[in-house]
Amino acid sequence: MSKVPNHEELSVWLSTTMIQALRNMITLFTHYFDSLEYMLDRFLGLLTLCICQENDTIARIGSNCLQQLILQNVNKFTPEHWEKIVGAFVELFERTTAYELFTAATTAPGMPPERRNIEEVTSQADPGSPSAKPDRGQESTRPSEDGDETHQAQLPAASSELEDYRPQPDLQQPPTVVTAARRRFFNRIIINCVLQILMIETVNELFSNDAVYSQIPSKELLRLMALLKKSYQFAKKFNGAKDLRLKLWKQGFMKQPPNLLNQESGSAATYINILFRMYHDEREERKNSRSETEDALIPLCADIIRRYVQLDEESQQRNITAWRPVVVDVVEGYTGFPLETFEKYIETFYPITVDLLSRDLNVEIRLAIQALLRRVGECRLGITPQTPIASPTSPRSSTSHSHFNGRRQSVGR
């Protein structure tokens, strides 16, 4: 291009020329797979580069093309190909993990609040809602006379994002001034938070496809699951660091104390749904990894229920809403275990399931608990229910989609 394009010209170019070029590249690779398969790592590298750009449109184009590359060639891939594909996801998850969240508040106190927190940013990263997406390639700022800048972006009004930790008096404090360099640093961290959610959604969508799930070797699938587990543990650790989140907010990182609730609940939802599916898979390769799958599932599932029971219904409604479908998946998944495995973990799940009864439950959770308790009665008391309930063999396949869709619909709440 002969000149640097303005934002509108760049957007048009990205949504037309670039996306068509990438799609043509995927079509070319698919058509000449036998001749080009040796270049798979280079194709993956290019798409990884696109996804990690500080531009929402480019990142989503790259993510979509990565999915198409896998879907269009899923039956052609060898174990060596799958190793390269999962290797690309390893790099993507690593590069989009916002490690700086734990060090960003160590210097320069007194920064202006952002106009939204991480929850709002990630929930707006919705391919179905273009108007809700943050434009990561452009920042609307106004420099001050002393070289600092205040953030002037027109962003959504504040919502009750951190009901569990928001000191009311401090919320009235006047905006602080952040230097341009500091704001760029903060924005890069926020971008990584957005991209990590995009990666979780990509894995969720890919492995909701039966062909992808069936073709990937168990070794590589477990390797991919480890990425989701790491993402979950990272977000859980950050969400538990209330003092750090408050400090970031006071230094102007965002308008409210940031949190990674969507990353934590979204990674957990995708993780347990795929693991439950692996556990119930009767193919020999999946059966051979069943003990590893069980070891990964049980502690996490029990922890999810315990933490859900501890959520405060008055101050943590947003957390309850995010975790409710995951709890339903856990209860249904455990109820659908084979008899031997179900009985093996009754002492773990029965008491925490009973604890759920103290909560304000919706219909889905009540039905899931009812099925579990009836099965406990059958196993331990020999009671046959008068009205048989068909126990699920695995969690509802649509729940992960419901989790992400529900989060997208909550924008601005």
Protein backbone atom coordinates (compact mmCIF):
# COMPACT_ATOMS: atom_id res chain seq x y z
CA MET A 1 0.00 0.00 0.00
CA SER A 2 1.37 3.41 -0.96
CA LYS A 3 0.41 5.10 2.30
CA VAL A 4 -0.42 4.21 5.86
CA PRO A 5 -4.15 3.40 5.87
CA ASN A 6 -6.53 5.06 8.27
CA HIS A 7 -8.62 2.94 10.62
CA GLU A 8 -11.59 2.68 8.25
CA GLU A 9 -9.43 1.69 5.28
CA LEU A 10 -7.60 -0.88 7.39
CA SER A 11 -10.87 -2.40 8.59
CA VAL A 12 -12.14 -2.73 5.03
CA TRP A 13 -8.86 -4.28 3.88
CA LEU A 14 -8.86 -6.77 6.77
CA SER A 15 -12.47 -7.81 6.22
CA THR A 16 -12.03 -8.27 2.46
CA THR A 17 -8.55 -8.71 1.03
CA MET A 18 -6.75 -10.27 3.98
CA ILE A 19 -9.46 -12.68 5.03
CA GLN A 20 -9.91 -13.83 1.43
CA ALA A 21 -6.16 -14.33 1.05
CA LEU A 22 -6.00 -16.47 4.19
CA ARG A 23 -9.04 -18.49 3.16
CA ASN A 24 -7.52 -19.10 -0.25
CA MET A 25 -4.33 -20.23 1.47
CA ILE A 26 -6.30 -22.80 3.50
CA THR A 27 -8.13 -23.96 0.37
CA LEU A 28 -4.82 -24.34 -1.44
CA PHE A 29 -3.32 -26.33 1.42
CA THR A 30 -6.36 -28.61 1.54
CA HIS A 31 -6.43 -29.22 -2.22
CA TYR A 32 -2.72 -29.98 -2.44
CA PHE A 33 -2.41 -31.57 0.97
CA ASP A 34 -0.14 -34.41 -0.11
CA SER A 35 2.31 -31.95 -1.66
CA LEU A 36 2.10 -29.27 1.03
CA GLU A 37 1.70 -31.25 4.25
CA TYR A 38 5.43 -30.88 4.96
CA MET A 39 4.76 -27.14 5.32
CA LEU A 40 2.07 -27.58 7.99
CA ASP A 41 4.22 -26.05 10.72
CA ARG A 42 4.78 -22.95 8.57
CA PHE A 43 1.04 -22.56 7.93
CA LEU A 44 0.42 -22.94 11.65
CA GLY A 45 3.13 -20.39 12.39
CA LEU A 46 1.51 -17.82 10.10
CA LEU A 47 -1.91 -18.33 11.69
CA THR A 48 -0.38 -18.12 15.15
CA LEU A 49 1.18 -14.81 14.17
CA CYS A 50 -2.22 -13.51 13.02
CA ILE A 51 -3.97 -14.60 16.22
CA CYS A 52 -1.40 -12.88 18.44
CA GLN A 53 -1.75 -9.50 16.74
CA GLU A 54 -3.00 -6.49 18.71
CA ASN A 55 -6.03 -6.24 16.45
CA ASP A 56 -9.30 -8.00 17.14
CA THR A 57 -10.19 -8.48 13.47
CA ILE A 58 -6.85 -10.05 12.54
CA ALA A 59 -6.92 -12.30 15.61
CA ARG A 60 -10.39 -13.60 14.81
CA ILE A 61 -9.55 -14.11 11.15
CA GLY A 62 -6.52 -16.14 12.22
CA SER A 63 -8.56 -18.18 14.69
CA ASN A 64 -11.25 -18.91 12.12
CA CYS A 65 -8.70 -19.96 9.52
CA LEU A 66 -6.95 -22.21 12.04
CA GLN A 67 -10.26 -23.94 12.68
CA GLN A 68 -10.90 -24.31 8.95
CA LEU A 69 -7.41 -25.72 8.38
CA ILE A 70 -8.13 -28.42 10.96
CA LEU A 71 -11.73 -29.13 9.96
CA GLN A 72 -11.03 -29.39 6.23
CA ASN A 73 -8.11 -31.79 6.70
CA VAL A 74 -9.13 -33.62 9.87
CA ASN A 75 -9.25 -37.04 8.21
CA LYS A 76 -5.85 -36.60 6.58
CA PHE A 77 -3.77 -35.79 9.64
CA THR A 78 -1.28 -38.30 11.02
CA PRO A 79 -0.15 -38.43 14.67
CA GLU A 80 2.84 -36.31 13.63
CA HIS A 81 0.52 -33.68 12.19
CA TRP A 82 -1.57 -33.63 15.37
CA GLU A 83 1.59 -33.15 17.41
CA LYS A 84 2.36 -30.02 15.39
CA ILE A 85 -1.21 -28.74 15.68
CA VAL A 86 -1.29 -29.16 19.45
CA GLY A 87 2.18 -27.61 19.56
CA ALA A 88 0.70 -24.52 17.93
CA PHE A 89 -1.98 -24.38 20.63
CA VAL A 90 0.72 -24.74 23.29
CA GLU A 91 2.43 -21.67 21.86
CA LEU A 92 -0.86 -19.76 21.54
CA PHE A 93 -1.94 -20.42 25.12
CA GLU A 94 1.51 -19.52 26.41
CA ARG A 95 1.74 -16.28 24.44
CA THR A 96 -1.75 -15.17 25.46
CA THR A 97 -1.41 -15.88 29.18
CA ALA A 98 -1.39 -12.51 30.95
CA TYR A 99 1.47 -13.25 33.34
CA GLU A 100 2.05 -9.51 33.75
CA LEU A 101 -1.15 -9.26 35.80
CA PHE A 102 0.86 -10.40 38.81
CA THR A 103 3.60 -7.78 38.36
CA ALA A 104 1.83 -4.82 36.71
CA ALA A 105 0.93 -3.22 40.05
CA THR A 106 4.46 -3.19 41.45
CA THR A 107 5.39 0.25 40.12
CA ALA A 108 4.03 3.76 39.58
CA PRO A 109 0.98 4.12 41.82
CA GLY A 110 -1.86 6.37 40.70
CA MET A 111 -3.23 5.55 37.28
CA PRO A 112 -6.62 6.46 35.72
CA PRO A 113 -9.33 3.85 35.70
CA GLU A 114 -10.17 2.11 32.44
CA ARG A 115 -13.74 2.33 31.24
CA ARG A 116 -14.30 -1.41 31.59
CA ASN A 117 -12.75 -4.41 33.28
CA ILE A 118 -11.42 -7.64 31.90
CA GLU A 119 -14.81 -9.28 32.26
CA GLU A 120 -16.41 -6.67 30.04
CA VAL A 121 -13.60 -6.79 27.49
CA THR A 122 -13.67 -10.56 27.13
CA SER A 123 -17.45 -10.78 27.09
CA GLN A 124 -17.48 -8.25 24.25
CA ALA A 125 -15.07 -10.36 22.19
CA ASP A 126 -18.10 -11.91 20.49
CA PRO A 127 -17.86 -12.72 16.80
CA GLY A 128 -21.63 -12.46 16.64
CA SER A 129 -21.64 -8.88 17.96
CA PRO A 130 -19.22 -6.76 15.92
CA SER A 131 -20.29 -3.57 17.63
CA ALA A 132 -19.36 -5.02 20.99
CA LYS A 133 -15.79 -5.92 20.10
CA PRO A 134 -12.95 -3.81 21.49
CA ASP A 135 -10.77 -2.35 18.77
CA ARG A 136 -7.36 -3.43 19.89
CA GLY A 137 -5.62 -1.73 17.01
CA GLN A 138 -6.78 1.76 17.93
CA GLU A 139 -6.71 3.58 21.27
CA SER A 140 -8.70 6.75 21.83
CA THR A 141 -6.59 8.96 24.08
CA ARG A 142 -6.04 12.62 24.80
CA PRO A 143 -2.50 13.72 25.73
CA SER A 144 -2.21 16.25 28.53
CA GLU A 145 0.22 19.11 28.61
CA ASP A 146 2.71 17.28 30.80
CA GLY A 147 3.00 14.33 28.46
CA ASP A 148 0.51 12.13 30.28
CA GLU A 149 -2.80 11.05 28.85
CA THR A 150 -6.29 10.34 30.00
CA HIS A 151 -8.33 7.62 28.39
CA GLN A 152 -11.21 9.02 26.36
CA ALA A 153 -12.59 5.91 24.68
CA GLN A 154 -16.37 5.72 24.50
CA LEU A 155 -16.97 2.45 26.28
CA PRO A 156 -19.96 0.80 27.99
CA ALA A 157 -21.18 2.07 31.31
CA ALA A 158 -19.92 0.34 34.43
CA SER A 159 -21.62 -2.91 35.33
CA SER A 160 -21.60 -5.00 38.47
CA GLU A 161 -18.56 -7.00 37.46
CA LEU A 162 -16.88 -7.53 40.84
CA GLU A 163 -19.71 -7.74 43.31
CA ASP A 164 -17.60 -9.83 45.65
CA TYR A 165 -14.94 -7.18 46.24
CA ARG A 166 -15.71 -3.55 45.60
CA PRO A 167 -15.19 -1.06 48.46
CA GLN A 168 -17.91 1.54 47.90
CA PRO A 169 -16.05 4.62 49.27
CA ASP A 170 -13.08 4.02 46.97
CA LEU A 171 -15.32 3.85 43.92
CA GLN A 172 -15.86 7.60 44.24
CA GLN A 173 -12.18 8.44 43.92
CA PRO A 174 -11.36 10.80 41.01
CA PRO A 175 -9.65 9.41 37.89
CA THR A 176 -5.89 9.17 38.05
CA VAL A 177 -3.54 10.06 35.21
CA VAL A 178 -1.63 7.32 33.43
CA THR A 179 1.36 7.93 31.20
CA ALA A 180 1.04 6.91 27.58
CA ALA A 181 3.65 4.19 28.01
CA ARG A 182 1.90 2.83 31.08
CA ARG A 183 -1.47 2.79 29.30
CA ARG A 184 0.02 0.87 26.38
CA PHE A 185 1.49 -1.62 28.85
CA PHE A 186 -1.90 -2.08 30.52
CA ASN A 187 -3.64 -2.44 27.16
CA ARG A 188 -1.25 -5.19 26.07
CA ILE A 189 -2.17 -7.14 29.20
CA ILE A 190 -5.87 -6.69 28.47
CA ILE A 191 -5.32 -7.86 24.91
CA ASN A 192 -3.79 -11.09 26.19
CA CYS A 193 -6.82 -11.63 28.42
CA VAL A 194 -9.08 -11.25 25.39
CA LEU A 195 -6.95 -13.61 23.31
CA GLN A 196 -6.90 -16.28 26.01
CA ILE A 197 -10.71 -16.32 25.95
CA LEU A 198 -10.56 -16.58 22.16
CA MET A 199 -8.30 -19.63 22.46
CA ILE A 200 -10.64 -21.32 24.93
CA GLU A 201 -13.58 -20.69 22.62
CA THR A 202 -11.59 -22.05 19.67
CA VAL A 203 -10.80 -25.29 21.49
CA ASN A 204 -14.42 -25.58 22.62
CA GLU A 205 -15.76 -25.15 19.09
CA LEU A 206 -13.20 -27.48 17.52
CA PHE A 207 -13.77 -30.35 19.91
CA SER A 208 -17.53 -30.04 19.74
CA ASN A 209 -16.96 -31.41 16.24
CA ASP A 210 -17.20 -35.22 16.29
CA ALA A 211 -14.61 -35.70 13.56
CA VAL A 212 -11.97 -33.60 15.33
CA TYR A 213 -12.58 -35.33 18.64
CA SER A 214 -12.47 -38.79 17.03
CA GLN A 215 -9.30 -38.25 15.02
CA ILE A 216 -6.98 -36.60 17.52
CA PRO A 217 -4.80 -39.12 19.40
CA SER A 218 -5.50 -39.38 23.13
CA LYS A 219 -1.94 -38.36 23.94
CA GLU A 220 -2.37 -35.06 22.11
CA LEU A 221 -5.88 -34.50 23.44
CA LEU A 222 -4.64 -34.87 27.01
CA ARG A 223 -1.82 -32.49 26.18
CA LEU A 224 -4.39 -29.98 24.98
CA MET A 225 -6.47 -30.53 28.11
CA ALA A 226 -3.42 -29.62 30.18
CA LEU A 227 -3.51 -26.17 28.53
CA LEU A 228 -7.11 -25.66 29.62
CA LYS A 229 -6.25 -26.80 33.12
CA LYS A 230 -3.36 -24.35 33.30
CA SER A 231 -5.60 -21.55 32.05
CA TYR A 232 -8.18 -22.42 34.70
CA GLN A 233 -5.60 -22.51 37.48
CA PHE A 234 -4.07 -19.20 36.38
CA ALA A 235 -7.44 -17.44 36.35
CA LYS A 236 -8.43 -19.02 39.66
CA LYS A 237 -5.22 -17.79 41.28
CA PHE A 238 -5.71 -14.25 39.98
CA ASN A 239 -9.37 -14.12 40.97
CA GLY A 240 -8.38 -15.16 44.48
CA ALA A 241 -5.79 -12.36 44.75
CA LYS A 242 -8.25 -9.68 45.88
CA ASP A 243 -5.61 -7.30 47.21
CA LEU A 244 -3.74 -7.43 43.90
CA ARG A 245 -6.91 -6.80 41.91
CA LEU A 246 -7.76 -3.82 44.09
CA LYS A 247 -4.24 -2.45 43.71
CA LEU A 248 -4.43 -2.75 39.92
CA TRP A 249 -7.72 -0.89 39.92
CA LYS A 250 -6.36 1.91 42.09
CA GLN A 251 -3.39 2.28 39.75
CA GLY A 252 -5.73 2.82 36.81
CA PHE A 253 -5.57 -0.59 35.17
CA MET A 254 -9.35 -0.56 34.72
CA LYS A 255 -12.43 1.22 36.00
CA GLN A 256 -13.16 -1.60 38.44
CA PRO A 257 -10.98 -4.28 40.03
CA PRO A 258 -10.22 -6.68 37.16
CA ASN A 259 -11.17 -10.34 37.26
CA LEU A 260 -10.81 -13.40 35.04
CA LEU A 261 -14.15 -15.02 35.84
CA ASN A 262 -14.91 -15.81 32.20
CA GLN A 263 -11.51 -17.39 31.67
CA GLU A 264 -11.82 -19.44 34.85
CA SER A 265 -15.34 -20.73 34.26
CA GLY A 266 -14.96 -21.06 30.47
CA SER A 267 -11.75 -23.10 30.62
CA ALA A 268 -13.23 -25.32 33.34
CA ALA A 269 -16.43 -25.90 31.35
CA THR A 270 -14.55 -26.88 28.19
CA TYR A 271 -12.04 -28.97 30.12
CA ILE A 272 -14.54 -31.12 32.02
CA ASN A 273 -16.84 -31.61 29.03
CA ILE A 274 -14.04 -33.00 26.87
CA LEU A 275 -12.71 -35.14 29.73
CA PHE A 276 -16.17 -36.58 30.43
CA ARG A 277 -16.48 -37.41 26.75
CA MET A 278 -13.10 -39.12 26.79
CA TYR A 279 -14.03 -41.09 29.90
CA HIS A 280 -17.19 -42.52 28.33
CA ASP A 281 -15.49 -43.27 24.99
CA GLU A 282 -15.29 -47.04 24.53
CA ARG A 283 -12.64 -47.04 21.82
CA GLU A 284 -9.50 -48.86 22.88
CA GLU A 285 -7.19 -45.85 22.70
CA ARG A 286 -9.50 -43.75 24.89
CA LYS A 287 -10.01 -46.63 27.33
CA ASN A 288 -6.26 -46.92 27.72
CA SER A 289 -6.12 -43.32 28.97
CA ARG A 290 -9.21 -43.65 31.20
CA SER A 291 -7.26 -43.69 34.47
CA GLU A 292 -5.48 -40.44 33.53
CA THR A 293 -8.82 -38.93 32.55
CA GLU A 294 -10.40 -39.98 35.85
CA ASP A 295 -7.49 -38.59 37.85
CA ALA A 296 -7.90 -35.25 36.10
CA LEU A 297 -11.69 -35.12 36.39
CA ILE A 298 -12.56 -36.08 39.96
CA PRO A 299 -10.57 -33.49 41.97
CA LEU A 300 -11.61 -30.63 39.69
CA CYS A 301 -15.29 -31.60 39.65
CA ALA A 302 -15.43 -31.88 43.44
CA ASP A 303 -13.62 -28.54 43.81
CA ILE A 304 -16.08 -26.82 41.47
CA ILE A 305 -19.09 -27.95 43.53
CA ARG A 306 -17.44 -27.01 46.85
CA ARG A 307 -16.57 -23.54 45.64
CA TYR A 308 -20.02 -23.03 44.14
CA VAL A 309 -21.63 -23.85 47.49
CA GLN A 310 -19.46 -21.20 49.16
CA LEU A 311 -20.51 -18.37 46.82
CA ASP A 312 -22.56 -15.67 48.52
CA GLU A 313 -25.99 -15.36 46.93
CA GLU A 314 -26.29 -11.65 47.71
CA SER A 315 -22.89 -10.37 46.64
CA GLN A 316 -21.71 -12.94 44.07
CA GLN A 317 -24.65 -13.43 41.75
CA ARG A 318 -22.48 -12.95 38.69
CA ASN A 319 -20.16 -15.74 39.80
CA ILE A 320 -23.14 -17.99 40.53
CA THR A 321 -24.54 -17.37 37.05
CA ALA A 322 -21.19 -18.16 35.42
CA TRP A 323 -20.64 -21.39 37.35
CA ARG A 324 -24.20 -22.76 37.39
CA PRO A 325 -24.05 -24.56 33.99
CA VAL A 326 -20.65 -25.99 34.89
CA VAL A 327 -22.06 -27.42 38.13
CA VAL A 328 -24.92 -29.01 36.16
CA ASP A 329 -22.37 -30.64 33.85
CA VAL A 330 -20.40 -31.96 36.81
CA VAL A 331 -23.42 -33.47 38.56
CA GLU A 332 -24.82 -34.99 35.37
CA GLY A 333 -21.41 -36.29 34.35
CA TYR A 334 -20.82 -38.01 37.68
CA THR A 335 -24.35 -39.48 37.69
CA GLY A 336 -23.62 -41.03 34.30
CA PHE A 337 -20.48 -42.86 35.46
CA PRO A 338 -20.45 -46.67 35.23
CA LEU A 339 -21.69 -48.32 38.43
CA GLU A 340 -18.24 -49.26 39.73
CA THR A 341 -16.84 -45.76 39.29
CA PHE A 342 -20.01 -44.13 40.60
CA GLU A 343 -19.86 -46.14 43.82
CA LYS A 344 -16.14 -45.48 44.14
CA TYR A 345 -16.72 -41.73 44.51
CA ILE A 346 -20.03 -41.62 46.40
CA GLU A 347 -18.24 -40.53 49.59
CA THR A 348 -16.78 -37.60 47.65
CA PHE A 349 -19.83 -36.40 45.75
CA TYR A 350 -22.79 -37.29 47.97
CA PRO A 351 -22.07 -34.81 50.82
CA ILE A 352 -21.20 -31.89 48.54
CA THR A 353 -24.28 -32.58 46.42
CA VAL A 354 -26.42 -32.49 49.56
CA ASP A 355 -24.76 -29.15 50.38
CA LEU A 356 -26.07 -27.84 47.06
CA LEU A 357 -29.60 -28.22 48.40
CA SER A 358 -28.98 -25.25 50.68
CA ARG A 359 -28.68 -23.02 47.63
CA ASP A 360 -31.30 -21.22 45.58
CA LEU A 361 -31.42 -23.75 42.72
CA ASN A 362 -32.85 -23.47 39.24
CA VAL A 363 -34.68 -26.32 37.50
CA GLU A 364 -31.59 -27.71 35.74
CA ILE A 365 -29.57 -28.14 38.92
CA ARG A 366 -32.54 -29.57 40.83
CA LEU A 367 -33.15 -32.20 38.16
CA ALA A 368 -29.45 -33.09 38.06
CA ILE A 369 -29.35 -33.48 41.86
CA GLN A 370 -32.55 -35.53 41.80
CA ALA A 371 -31.04 -37.98 39.32
CA LEU A 372 -27.85 -38.28 41.37
CA LEU A 373 -29.67 -38.90 44.66
CA ARG A 374 -31.92 -41.49 43.06
CA ARG A 375 -28.89 -43.34 41.79
CA VAL A 376 -27.29 -43.23 45.23
CA GLY A 377 -30.50 -44.76 46.58
CA GLU A 378 -30.33 -47.52 44.00
CA CYS A 379 -26.66 -48.29 44.69
CA ARG A 380 -26.56 -48.08 48.48
CA LEU A 381 -30.15 -48.68 49.60
CA GLY A 382 -31.44 -50.91 46.83
CA ILE A 383 -34.32 -48.54 46.16
CA THR A 384 -35.74 -48.70 42.66
CA PRO A 385 -37.35 -45.37 41.69
CA GLN A 386 -41.02 -45.59 40.75
CA THR A 387 -40.40 -43.17 37.91
CA PRO A 388 -37.18 -44.20 36.15
CA ILE A 389 -34.92 -41.34 35.15
CA ALA A 390 -32.64 -41.76 32.17
CA SER A 391 -29.21 -40.87 33.50
CA PRO A 392 -26.97 -39.05 31.06
CA THR A 393 -23.88 -40.88 29.86
CA SER A 394 -21.98 -37.61 29.64
CA PRO A 395 -22.67 -33.92 30.16
CA ARG A 396 -24.91 -32.16 27.70
CA SER A 397 -22.89 -31.49 24.59
CA SER A 398 -24.45 -28.06 24.23
CA THR A 399 -23.52 -26.80 27.66
CA SER A 400 -20.13 -25.40 26.72
CA HIS A 401 -21.77 -23.46 23.91
CA SER A 402 -24.45 -22.28 26.32
CA HIS A 403 -21.74 -21.13 28.71
CA PHE A 404 -20.06 -18.92 26.13
CA ASN A 405 -23.33 -17.73 24.59
CA GLY A 406 -24.69 -16.82 28.00
CA ARG A 407 -21.57 -14.84 28.75
CA ARG A 408 -21.84 -12.95 25.47
CA GLN A 409 -25.43 -12.03 26.17
CA SER A 410 -24.47 -10.59 29.55
CA VAL A 411 -22.60 -7.62 28.06
CA GLY A 412 -23.33 -4.47 29.98
CA ARG A 413 -25.18 -6.23 32.76
